[in-house]
Amino acid sequence: SLSSLKDLDGALVATVFARKDRLILVVDLNWARLSPTQSVPFDGDTVDLKFFSETFTLMGTVGYRLVDDPSYSIDAFGGAKLWYMDNSASVKPAVVTPNKVERTETWVDGVVGGQITYNLTDDFFVDVLGFVGAGGSQFYGDIYAGIGCWINPKWQVFAGYRALRVERENDGFLYDVTQQGPLLGVGARF
């Protein structure tokens, strides 16, 4: 199967929130590399279809805390997101010509977003964070909703659900993807 975890070569997700008074800086980095291989019958023999996909995104935004109440906060953001993709597919043995195709794309989207955090107690909170944008993409959207707990004044744990949607079509390159799923994380306050 091309969707199994064994095809994942590596992945990294990191988000940094830095806040001073009402000013906020958010940096979000995502990287993943997949290299699945699928054997298929061809003309009485078997050939290997080899795929490679590497995705890197880096988003930087500046924000402002619009509401800073002890029970909830509302933040607004604006910035940009850089996308880099390298994809290839090959057939081994070479039963067709060309037996390898490759495409690399890089683009930037302008983004705006917002975050609402509601404190259920001194320790527990719910959080909704979302961004939308366009530019190099025809559409980009990313939303997270979850619940968290401060386990001490410095460390928090959280769980939620994140969904990302991006649509880009450029000179024969089509990237029309929805990624979604549960998210578990740990946060630290410095």
N, C-alpha and C. Protein backbone atom coordinates (compact mmCIF):
# COMPACT_ATOMS: atom_id res chain seq x y z
N SER A 1 0.84 -1.19 0.00
CA SER A 1 0.00 0.00 0.00
C SER A 1 0.88 1.24 0.00
N LEU A 2 0.52 2.25 -0.79
CA LEU A 2 1.29 3.48 -0.86
C LEU A 2 1.04 4.40 0.31
N SER A 3 0.13 4.04 1.19
CA SER A 3 -0.18 4.94 2.30
C SER A 3 0.28 4.40 3.64
N SER A 4 1.12 3.36 3.66
CA SER A 4 1.53 2.79 4.92
C SER A 4 2.64 3.61 5.57
N LEU A 5 2.76 3.47 6.88
CA LEU A 5 3.73 4.24 7.64
C LEU A 5 5.16 3.87 7.27
N LYS A 6 5.38 2.66 6.75
CA LYS A 6 6.73 2.25 6.37
C LYS A 6 7.29 3.11 5.23
N ASP A 7 6.42 3.79 4.49
CA ASP A 7 6.86 4.66 3.40
C ASP A 7 7.35 6.02 3.88
N LEU A 8 7.14 6.33 5.15
CA LEU A 8 7.55 7.61 5.71
C LEU A 8 9.03 7.56 6.08
N ASP A 9 9.84 8.38 5.42
CA ASP A 9 11.27 8.45 5.71
C ASP A 9 11.55 9.34 6.91
N GLY A 10 10.71 10.34 7.12
CA GLY A 10 10.91 11.25 8.24
C GLY A 10 9.93 12.40 8.18
N ALA A 11 9.71 13.02 9.34
CA ALA A 11 8.81 14.17 9.41
C ALA A 11 9.19 15.01 10.63
N LEU A 12 8.93 16.30 10.53
CA LEU A 12 9.19 17.22 11.62
C LEU A 12 8.11 18.29 11.61
N VAL A 13 7.52 18.56 12.76
CA VAL A 13 6.55 19.64 12.92
C VAL A 13 6.96 20.42 14.15
N ALA A 14 7.11 21.72 14.01
CA ALA A 14 7.47 22.57 15.14
C ALA A 14 6.79 23.93 14.98
N THR A 15 6.20 24.40 16.07
CA THR A 15 5.56 25.71 16.08
C THR A 15 6.07 26.49 17.29
N VAL A 16 6.46 27.73 17.04
CA VAL A 16 6.95 28.60 18.11
C VAL A 16 6.05 29.82 18.19
N PHE A 17 5.52 30.09 19.38
CA PHE A 17 4.78 31.31 19.68
C PHE A 17 5.65 32.15 20.61
N ALA A 18 5.93 33.38 20.25
CA ALA A 18 6.67 34.29 21.12
C ALA A 18 5.78 35.52 21.34
N ARG A 19 5.57 35.87 22.62
CA ARG A 19 4.68 37.00 22.91
C ARG A 19 5.33 37.93 23.91
N LYS A 20 5.25 39.23 23.64
CA LYS A 20 5.66 40.26 24.57
C LYS A 20 4.54 41.28 24.62
N ASP A 21 3.95 41.41 25.80
CA ASP A 21 2.77 42.25 25.97
C ASP A 21 1.70 41.78 24.98
N ARG A 22 1.29 42.63 24.04
CA ARG A 22 0.24 42.24 23.09
C ARG A 22 0.78 41.83 21.73
N LEU A 23 2.08 41.97 21.49
CA LEU A 23 2.68 41.58 20.21
C LEU A 23 3.06 40.10 20.23
N ILE A 24 2.81 39.40 19.10
CA ILE A 24 3.02 37.96 19.01
C ILE A 24 3.75 37.64 17.71
N LEU A 25 4.68 36.70 17.78
CA LEU A 25 5.35 36.18 16.61
C LEU A 25 5.08 34.67 16.57
N VAL A 26 4.65 34.17 15.41
CA VAL A 26 4.40 32.74 15.24
C VAL A 26 5.24 32.25 14.07
N VAL A 27 6.01 31.18 14.30
CA VAL A 27 6.78 30.51 13.26
C VAL A 27 6.35 29.05 13.27
N ASP A 28 5.93 28.54 12.10
CA ASP A 28 5.44 27.17 11.98
C ASP A 28 6.22 26.47 10.88
N LEU A 29 6.87 25.35 11.21
CA LEU A 29 7.68 24.60 10.27
C LEU A 29 7.13 23.19 10.14
N ASN A 30 7.03 22.71 8.90
CA ASN A 30 6.60 21.34 8.62
C ASN A 30 7.49 20.76 7.54
N TRP A 31 7.97 19.53 7.76
CA TRP A 31 8.78 18.84 6.76
C TRP A 31 8.40 17.37 6.78
N ALA A 32 8.29 16.79 5.60
CA ALA A 32 8.01 15.34 5.50
C ALA A 32 8.64 14.81 4.23
N ARG A 33 9.12 13.56 4.32
CA ARG A 33 9.68 12.88 3.16
C ARG A 33 9.10 11.47 3.10
N LEU A 34 8.56 11.12 1.92
CA LEU A 34 7.98 9.80 1.68
C LEU A 34 8.68 9.18 0.47
N SER A 35 8.87 7.85 0.50
CA SER A 35 9.43 7.18 -0.67
C SER A 35 8.82 5.78 -0.82
N PRO A 36 7.55 5.72 -1.17
CA PRO A 36 6.90 4.42 -1.35
C PRO A 36 7.31 3.74 -2.66
N THR A 37 7.28 2.42 -2.62
CA THR A 37 7.50 1.60 -3.81
C THR A 37 6.36 0.61 -3.92
N GLN A 38 5.86 0.43 -5.12
CA GLN A 38 4.75 -0.49 -5.35
C GLN A 38 5.12 -1.40 -6.53
N SER A 39 5.10 -2.71 -6.32
CA SER A 39 5.31 -3.66 -7.41
C SER A 39 3.99 -3.95 -8.09
N VAL A 40 4.01 -3.88 -9.43
CA VAL A 40 2.78 -4.13 -10.20
C VAL A 40 3.08 -5.05 -11.37
N PRO A 41 2.12 -5.88 -11.77
CA PRO A 41 2.34 -6.72 -12.95
C PRO A 41 2.35 -5.87 -14.22
N PHE A 42 3.26 -6.23 -15.16
CA PHE A 42 3.35 -5.52 -16.43
C PHE A 42 3.85 -6.49 -17.50
N ASP A 43 3.02 -6.74 -18.49
CA ASP A 43 3.39 -7.54 -19.66
C ASP A 43 4.00 -8.89 -19.26
N GLY A 44 3.36 -9.57 -18.31
CA GLY A 44 3.81 -10.89 -17.87
C GLY A 44 4.97 -10.86 -16.90
N ASP A 45 5.41 -9.69 -16.50
CA ASP A 45 6.52 -9.55 -15.55
C ASP A 45 6.08 -8.61 -14.43
N THR A 46 6.99 -8.23 -13.58
CA THR A 46 6.70 -7.28 -12.49
C THR A 46 7.65 -6.10 -12.61
N VAL A 47 7.10 -4.91 -12.43
CA VAL A 47 7.92 -3.69 -12.39
C VAL A 47 7.67 -2.98 -11.07
N ASP A 48 8.67 -2.22 -10.66
CA ASP A 48 8.55 -1.43 -9.43
C ASP A 48 8.27 0.02 -9.78
N LEU A 49 7.18 0.55 -9.25
CA LEU A 49 6.90 1.98 -9.35
C LEU A 49 7.47 2.62 -8.09
N LYS A 50 8.42 3.51 -8.27
CA LYS A 50 9.07 4.17 -7.14
C LYS A 50 8.66 5.63 -7.13
N PHE A 51 8.21 6.07 -5.97
CA PHE A 51 7.77 7.45 -5.80
C PHE A 51 8.64 8.12 -4.74
N PHE A 52 8.82 9.41 -4.87
CA PHE A 52 9.54 10.21 -3.88
C PHE A 52 8.80 11.53 -3.74
N SER A 53 8.56 11.93 -2.51
CA SER A 53 7.91 13.21 -2.27
C SER A 53 8.49 13.85 -1.03
N GLU A 54 8.97 15.07 -1.18
CA GLU A 54 9.46 15.85 -0.04
C GLU A 54 8.72 17.18 -0.01
N THR A 55 8.19 17.51 1.16
CA THR A 55 7.44 18.75 1.34
C THR A 55 8.05 19.52 2.51
N PHE A 56 8.25 20.82 2.31
CA PHE A 56 8.75 21.70 3.36
C PHE A 56 7.92 22.96 3.34
N THR A 57 7.40 23.37 4.49
CA THR A 57 6.70 24.65 4.60
C THR A 57 7.24 25.41 5.79
N LEU A 58 7.29 26.72 5.65
CA LEU A 58 7.72 27.60 6.73
C LEU A 58 6.82 28.82 6.72
N MET A 59 6.09 29.02 7.82
CA MET A 59 5.19 30.17 7.93
C MET A 59 5.69 31.10 9.03
N GLY A 60 5.69 32.37 8.74
CA GLY A 60 6.02 33.39 9.73
C GLY A 60 4.92 34.44 9.77
N THR A 61 4.41 34.71 10.96
CA THR A 61 3.37 35.73 11.10
C THR A 61 3.66 36.62 12.29
N VAL A 62 3.13 37.82 12.22
CA VAL A 62 3.16 38.75 13.33
C VAL A 62 1.71 38.93 13.78
N GLY A 63 1.51 38.96 15.09
CA GLY A 63 0.16 39.06 15.59
C GLY A 63 0.01 40.11 16.67
N TYR A 64 -1.25 40.35 17.01
CA TYR A 64 -1.59 41.31 18.06
C TYR A 64 -2.71 40.72 18.90
N ARG A 65 -2.57 40.79 20.21
CA ARG A 65 -3.61 40.31 21.13
C ARG A 65 -4.70 41.37 21.22
N LEU A 66 -5.85 41.09 20.61
CA LEU A 66 -6.97 42.03 20.60
C LEU A 66 -7.69 42.06 21.94
N VAL A 67 -7.86 40.90 22.56
CA VAL A 67 -8.53 40.79 23.86
C VAL A 67 -7.62 39.99 24.78
N ASP A 68 -7.35 40.53 25.96
CA ASP A 68 -6.50 39.85 26.94
C ASP A 68 -7.21 39.84 28.28
N ASP A 69 -8.21 38.96 28.38
CA ASP A 69 -9.03 38.82 29.58
C ASP A 69 -8.54 37.59 30.35
N PRO A 70 -8.65 37.56 31.68
CA PRO A 70 -8.22 36.35 32.42
C PRO A 70 -8.95 35.08 31.98
N SER A 71 -10.17 35.18 31.47
CA SER A 71 -10.89 33.97 31.08
C SER A 71 -10.72 33.60 29.61
N TYR A 72 -10.36 34.57 28.74
CA TYR A 72 -10.15 34.24 27.32
C TYR A 72 -9.28 35.30 26.66
N SER A 73 -8.73 34.92 25.49
CA SER A 73 -7.94 35.85 24.69
C SER A 73 -8.28 35.66 23.21
N ILE A 74 -8.13 36.75 22.45
CA ILE A 74 -8.34 36.72 21.01
C ILE A 74 -7.15 37.39 20.34
N ASP A 75 -6.53 36.67 19.39
CA ASP A 75 -5.36 37.17 18.68
C ASP A 75 -5.64 37.22 17.18
N ALA A 76 -5.00 38.17 16.49
CA ALA A 76 -5.09 38.28 15.03
C ALA A 76 -3.67 38.26 14.47
N PHE A 77 -3.50 37.61 13.28
CA PHE A 77 -2.18 37.42 12.69
C PHE A 77 -2.17 37.78 11.21
N GLY A 78 -1.01 38.13 10.70
CA GLY A 78 -0.79 38.32 9.27
C GLY A 78 0.66 37.98 8.95
N GLY A 79 0.89 37.39 7.77
CA GLY A 79 2.25 37.03 7.41
C GLY A 79 2.31 36.31 6.08
N ALA A 80 3.25 35.37 5.97
CA ALA A 80 3.47 34.64 4.72
C ALA A 80 3.86 33.20 5.01
N LYS A 81 3.58 32.33 4.01
CA LYS A 81 3.94 30.92 4.12
C LYS A 81 4.69 30.51 2.86
N LEU A 82 5.88 29.93 3.04
CA LEU A 82 6.71 29.42 1.96
C LEU A 82 6.46 27.93 1.81
N TRP A 83 6.29 27.49 0.57
CA TRP A 83 6.08 26.08 0.24
C TRP A 83 7.20 25.62 -0.68
N TYR A 84 7.73 24.41 -0.43
CA TYR A 84 8.70 23.78 -1.33
C TYR A 84 8.31 22.32 -1.48
N MET A 85 8.23 21.85 -2.73
CA MET A 85 7.87 20.45 -2.99
C MET A 85 8.79 19.88 -4.04
N ASP A 86 9.22 18.65 -3.80
CA ASP A 86 10.03 17.91 -4.75
C ASP A 86 9.39 16.54 -4.90
N ASN A 87 8.91 16.22 -6.08
CA ASN A 87 8.20 14.96 -6.33
C ASN A 87 8.79 14.27 -7.55
N SER A 88 8.91 12.95 -7.46
CA SER A 88 9.36 12.19 -8.63
C SER A 88 8.71 10.82 -8.62
N ALA A 89 8.66 10.22 -9.81
CA ALA A 89 8.16 8.86 -9.98
C ALA A 89 9.02 8.19 -11.04
N SER A 90 9.36 6.92 -10.80
CA SER A 90 10.16 6.18 -11.77
C SER A 90 9.67 4.74 -11.86
N VAL A 91 10.02 4.11 -12.98
CA VAL A 91 9.66 2.72 -13.23
C VAL A 91 10.96 1.93 -13.41
N LYS A 92 11.10 0.83 -12.66
CA LYS A 92 12.29 -0.03 -12.77
C LYS A 92 11.83 -1.46 -12.90
N PRO A 93 12.32 -2.23 -13.82
CA PRO A 93 13.22 -1.81 -14.89
C PRO A 93 12.51 -0.84 -15.85
N ALA A 94 13.29 -0.15 -16.66
CA ALA A 94 12.78 0.89 -17.55
C ALA A 94 11.98 0.25 -18.69
N VAL A 95 10.67 0.15 -18.51
CA VAL A 95 9.81 -0.43 -19.54
C VAL A 95 9.12 0.65 -20.37
N VAL A 96 9.27 1.89 -19.98
CA VAL A 96 8.73 3.02 -20.73
C VAL A 96 9.81 4.09 -20.81
N THR A 97 9.69 4.98 -21.81
CA THR A 97 10.63 6.08 -21.94
C THR A 97 9.87 7.38 -21.96
N PRO A 98 10.18 8.36 -21.14
CA PRO A 98 11.21 8.30 -20.11
C PRO A 98 10.72 7.45 -18.93
N ASN A 99 11.65 6.89 -18.20
CA ASN A 99 11.25 6.04 -17.08
C ASN A 99 11.23 6.80 -15.76
N LYS A 100 11.51 8.12 -15.79
CA LYS A 100 11.46 8.92 -14.57
C LYS A 100 10.93 10.32 -14.89
N VAL A 101 10.02 10.80 -14.05
CA VAL A 101 9.53 12.17 -14.14
C VAL A 101 9.75 12.84 -12.79
N GLU A 102 10.09 14.12 -12.82
CA GLU A 102 10.36 14.84 -11.58
C GLU A 102 9.86 16.27 -11.72
N ARG A 103 9.36 16.81 -10.62
CA ARG A 103 8.86 18.19 -10.63
C ARG A 103 9.12 18.81 -9.26
N THR A 104 9.71 20.00 -9.27
CA THR A 104 9.95 20.76 -8.05
C THR A 104 9.19 22.07 -8.16
N GLU A 105 8.53 22.46 -7.10
CA GLU A 105 7.75 23.70 -7.06
C GLU A 105 8.07 24.45 -5.77
N THR A 106 8.17 25.77 -5.87
CA THR A 106 8.33 26.65 -4.72
C THR A 106 7.39 27.82 -4.91
N TRP A 107 6.66 28.20 -3.85
CA TRP A 107 5.77 29.35 -3.94
C TRP A 107 5.53 29.93 -2.55
N VAL A 108 4.93 31.12 -2.53
CA VAL A 108 4.65 31.83 -1.29
C VAL A 108 3.19 32.27 -1.29
N ASP A 109 2.54 32.11 -0.15
CA ASP A 109 1.18 32.60 0.06
C ASP A 109 1.18 33.67 1.15
N GLY A 110 0.39 34.71 0.95
CA GLY A 110 0.10 35.63 2.04
C GLY A 110 -0.96 34.98 2.93
N VAL A 111 -0.85 35.13 4.25
CA VAL A 111 -1.79 34.49 5.17
C VAL A 111 -2.29 35.48 6.22
N VAL A 112 -3.54 35.26 6.66
CA VAL A 112 -4.10 35.94 7.81
C VAL A 112 -4.71 34.86 8.70
N GLY A 113 -4.81 35.18 9.99
CA GLY A 113 -5.36 34.16 10.88
C GLY A 113 -5.80 34.73 12.21
N GLY A 114 -6.30 33.84 13.03
CA GLY A 114 -6.76 34.23 14.35
C GLY A 114 -6.71 33.06 15.31
N GLN A 115 -6.72 33.40 16.58
CA GLN A 115 -6.70 32.40 17.64
C GLN A 115 -7.59 32.86 18.78
N ILE A 116 -8.39 31.92 19.27
CA ILE A 116 -9.22 32.16 20.46
C ILE A 116 -8.84 31.09 21.48
N THR A 117 -8.48 31.53 22.67
CA THR A 117 -8.17 30.62 23.77
C THR A 117 -9.12 30.94 24.92
N TYR A 118 -9.78 29.89 25.41
CA TYR A 118 -10.71 30.06 26.53
C TYR A 118 -10.21 29.20 27.70
N ASN A 119 -10.00 29.83 28.85
CA ASN A 119 -9.53 29.14 30.04
C ASN A 119 -10.71 28.54 30.78
N LEU A 120 -10.79 27.20 30.79
CA LEU A 120 -11.85 26.51 31.52
C LEU A 120 -11.63 26.60 33.02
N THR A 121 -10.37 26.44 33.44
CA THR A 121 -9.95 26.58 34.84
C THR A 121 -8.57 27.23 34.80
N ASP A 122 -7.90 27.28 35.93
CA ASP A 122 -6.52 27.80 35.94
C ASP A 122 -5.57 26.90 35.16
N ASP A 123 -5.91 25.60 35.05
CA ASP A 123 -5.02 24.64 34.40
C ASP A 123 -5.49 24.21 33.00
N PHE A 124 -6.80 24.14 32.76
CA PHE A 124 -7.32 23.61 31.50
C PHE A 124 -7.82 24.74 30.60
N PHE A 125 -7.59 24.55 29.29
CA PHE A 125 -8.02 25.56 28.31
C PHE A 125 -8.43 24.88 27.01
N VAL A 126 -9.27 25.55 26.24
CA VAL A 126 -9.58 25.13 24.87
C VAL A 126 -9.02 26.20 23.93
N ASP A 127 -8.65 25.75 22.76
CA ASP A 127 -7.94 26.61 21.83
C ASP A 127 -8.42 26.35 20.41
N VAL A 128 -8.67 27.41 19.65
CA VAL A 128 -8.99 27.31 18.23
C VAL A 128 -8.06 28.28 17.51
N LEU A 129 -7.35 27.76 16.50
CA LEU A 129 -6.37 28.54 15.76
C LEU A 129 -6.55 28.25 14.28
N GLY A 130 -6.60 29.29 13.45
CA GLY A 130 -6.79 29.06 12.02
C GLY A 130 -6.11 30.11 11.17
N PHE A 131 -5.73 29.69 9.96
CA PHE A 131 -5.11 30.58 8.98
C PHE A 131 -5.73 30.31 7.61
N VAL A 132 -5.87 31.35 6.80
CA VAL A 132 -6.27 31.23 5.40
C VAL A 132 -5.33 32.10 4.58
N GLY A 133 -5.18 31.74 3.31
CA GLY A 133 -4.30 32.53 2.48
C GLY A 133 -4.41 32.15 1.02
N ALA A 134 -3.65 32.87 0.22
CA ALA A 134 -3.57 32.64 -1.23
C ALA A 134 -2.38 33.42 -1.74
N GLY A 135 -2.10 33.23 -3.00
CA GLY A 135 -0.95 33.89 -3.64
C GLY A 135 -0.44 32.93 -4.68
N GLY A 136 0.59 32.15 -4.32
CA GLY A 136 1.04 31.06 -5.17
C GLY A 136 0.00 29.95 -5.24
N SER A 137 -0.72 29.76 -4.14
CA SER A 137 -1.84 28.81 -4.11
C SER A 137 -3.12 29.56 -4.48
N GLN A 138 -4.06 28.83 -5.04
CA GLN A 138 -5.37 29.42 -5.26
C GLN A 138 -6.12 29.52 -3.92
N PHE A 139 -5.82 28.57 -3.01
CA PHE A 139 -6.42 28.60 -1.67
C PHE A 139 -5.54 27.82 -0.71
N TYR A 140 -5.40 28.36 0.49
CA TYR A 140 -4.73 27.66 1.59
C TYR A 140 -5.56 27.89 2.85
N GLY A 141 -5.83 26.83 3.60
CA GLY A 141 -6.54 26.93 4.87
C GLY A 141 -6.00 25.91 5.85
N ASP A 142 -5.91 26.31 7.12
CA ASP A 142 -5.36 25.45 8.16
C ASP A 142 -6.07 25.78 9.46
N ILE A 143 -6.67 24.77 10.11
CA ILE A 143 -7.38 25.03 11.36
C ILE A 143 -7.04 23.94 12.38
N TYR A 144 -6.92 24.36 13.62
CA TYR A 144 -6.67 23.46 14.74
C TYR A 144 -7.66 23.81 15.85
N ALA A 145 -8.21 22.77 16.50
CA ALA A 145 -9.06 22.96 17.68
C ALA A 145 -8.69 21.87 18.67
N GLY A 146 -8.54 22.25 19.93
CA GLY A 146 -8.16 21.26 20.92
C GLY A 146 -8.29 21.74 22.35
N ILE A 147 -7.87 20.87 23.26
CA ILE A 147 -7.91 21.14 24.68
C ILE A 147 -6.51 20.92 25.25
N GLY A 148 -6.15 21.74 26.22
CA GLY A 148 -4.82 21.63 26.81
C GLY A 148 -4.86 21.73 28.31
N CYS A 149 -3.73 21.37 28.91
CA CYS A 149 -3.60 21.41 30.37
C CYS A 149 -2.19 21.86 30.73
N TRP A 150 -2.12 22.87 31.59
CA TRP A 150 -0.83 23.28 32.16
C TRP A 150 -0.51 22.31 33.29
N ILE A 151 0.57 21.53 33.13
CA ILE A 151 0.93 20.59 34.19
C ILE A 151 1.81 21.24 35.25
N ASN A 152 2.37 22.40 34.94
CA ASN A 152 3.04 23.28 35.89
C ASN A 152 3.16 24.63 35.20
N PRO A 153 3.68 25.66 35.85
CA PRO A 153 3.71 26.98 35.21
C PRO A 153 4.51 27.05 33.90
N LYS A 154 5.38 26.07 33.64
CA LYS A 154 6.22 26.11 32.46
C LYS A 154 5.76 25.17 31.34
N TRP A 155 5.16 24.02 31.66
CA TRP A 155 4.87 22.98 30.68
C TRP A 155 3.38 22.74 30.52
N GLN A 156 2.98 22.47 29.26
CA GLN A 156 1.60 22.12 28.95
C GLN A 156 1.57 20.91 28.03
N VAL A 157 0.47 20.18 28.08
CA VAL A 157 0.19 19.11 27.12
C VAL A 157 -1.13 19.46 26.46
N PHE A 158 -1.30 19.03 25.21
CA PHE A 158 -2.54 19.34 24.51
C PHE A 158 -2.88 18.25 23.51
N ALA A 159 -4.15 18.17 23.19
CA ALA A 159 -4.65 17.21 22.20
C ALA A 159 -5.75 17.90 21.41
N GLY A 160 -5.81 17.60 20.13
CA GLY A 160 -6.83 18.22 19.31
C GLY A 160 -6.87 17.60 17.93
N TYR A 161 -7.40 18.38 17.00
CA TYR A 161 -7.58 17.92 15.63
C TYR A 161 -7.12 19.05 14.71
N ARG A 162 -6.34 18.72 13.68
CA ARG A 162 -5.86 19.73 12.74
C ARG A 162 -6.23 19.30 11.32
N ALA A 163 -6.69 20.27 10.54
CA ALA A 163 -7.02 20.01 9.13
C ALA A 163 -6.39 21.11 8.28
N LEU A 164 -5.74 20.70 7.20
CA LEU A 164 -5.08 21.62 6.28
C LEU A 164 -5.58 21.34 4.87
N ARG A 165 -5.85 22.39 4.13
CA ARG A 165 -6.32 22.28 2.74
C ARG A 165 -5.51 23.24 1.89
N VAL A 166 -4.97 22.76 0.77
CA VAL A 166 -4.25 23.64 -0.15
C VAL A 166 -4.58 23.23 -1.58
N GLU A 167 -4.76 24.25 -2.43
CA GLU A 167 -5.05 24.06 -3.85
C GLU A 167 -4.07 24.92 -4.65
N ARG A 168 -3.25 24.26 -5.48
CA ARG A 168 -2.33 25.00 -6.35
C ARG A 168 -2.30 24.31 -7.71
N GLU A 169 -2.46 25.11 -8.74
CA GLU A 169 -2.34 24.63 -10.12
C GLU A 169 -1.47 25.63 -10.85
N ASN A 170 -0.36 25.13 -11.43
CA ASN A 170 0.58 26.02 -12.09
C ASN A 170 1.31 25.26 -13.20
N ASP A 171 1.05 25.61 -14.44
CA ASP A 171 1.80 25.08 -15.59
C ASP A 171 1.90 23.55 -15.57
N GLY A 172 0.76 22.89 -15.41
CA GLY A 172 0.73 21.43 -15.40
C GLY A 172 0.96 20.80 -14.04
N PHE A 173 1.35 21.58 -13.05
CA PHE A 173 1.54 21.08 -11.69
C PHE A 173 0.24 21.25 -10.92
N LEU A 174 -0.28 20.18 -10.36
CA LEU A 174 -1.52 20.22 -9.59
C LEU A 174 -1.25 19.67 -8.20
N TYR A 175 -1.53 20.48 -7.20
CA TYR A 175 -1.42 20.06 -5.80
C TYR A 175 -2.74 20.42 -5.14
N ASP A 176 -3.59 19.43 -4.96
CA ASP A 176 -4.94 19.61 -4.43
C ASP A 176 -5.09 18.62 -3.29
N VAL A 177 -4.76 19.05 -2.06
CA VAL A 177 -4.58 18.13 -0.95
C VAL A 177 -5.35 18.60 0.29
N THR A 178 -5.95 17.64 0.97
CA THR A 178 -6.49 17.86 2.31
C THR A 178 -5.80 16.88 3.25
N GLN A 179 -5.19 17.40 4.29
CA GLN A 179 -4.57 16.56 5.32
C GLN A 179 -5.28 16.86 6.62
N GLN A 180 -5.63 15.81 7.35
CA GLN A 180 -6.33 16.03 8.61
C GLN A 180 -6.09 14.86 9.55
N GLY A 181 -6.19 15.15 10.84
CA GLY A 181 -6.04 14.07 11.81
C GLY A 181 -5.81 14.59 13.20
N PRO A 182 -5.77 13.66 14.16
CA PRO A 182 -5.56 14.05 15.55
C PRO A 182 -4.14 14.54 15.78
N LEU A 183 -3.97 15.35 16.79
CA LEU A 183 -2.68 15.93 17.11
C LEU A 183 -2.48 15.87 18.62
N LEU A 184 -1.31 15.43 19.03
CA LEU A 184 -0.90 15.44 20.43
C LEU A 184 0.37 16.25 20.53
N GLY A 185 0.52 17.03 21.59
CA GLY A 185 1.72 17.83 21.68
C GLY A 185 2.08 18.22 23.09
N VAL A 186 3.28 18.80 23.18
CA VAL A 186 3.81 19.32 24.43
C VAL A 186 4.28 20.75 24.15
N GLY A 187 3.97 21.65 25.06
CA GLY A 187 4.40 23.04 24.92
C GLY A 187 5.18 23.49 26.14
N ALA A 188 6.08 24.43 25.93
CA ALA A 188 6.88 24.98 27.03
C ALA A 188 6.81 26.50 26.99
N ARG A 189 6.79 27.10 28.15
CA ARG A 189 6.78 28.55 28.27
C ARG A 189 8.12 29.00 28.85
N PHE A 190 8.76 29.97 28.19
CA PHE A 190 10.06 30.47 28.66
C PHE A 190 9.93 31.91 29.05
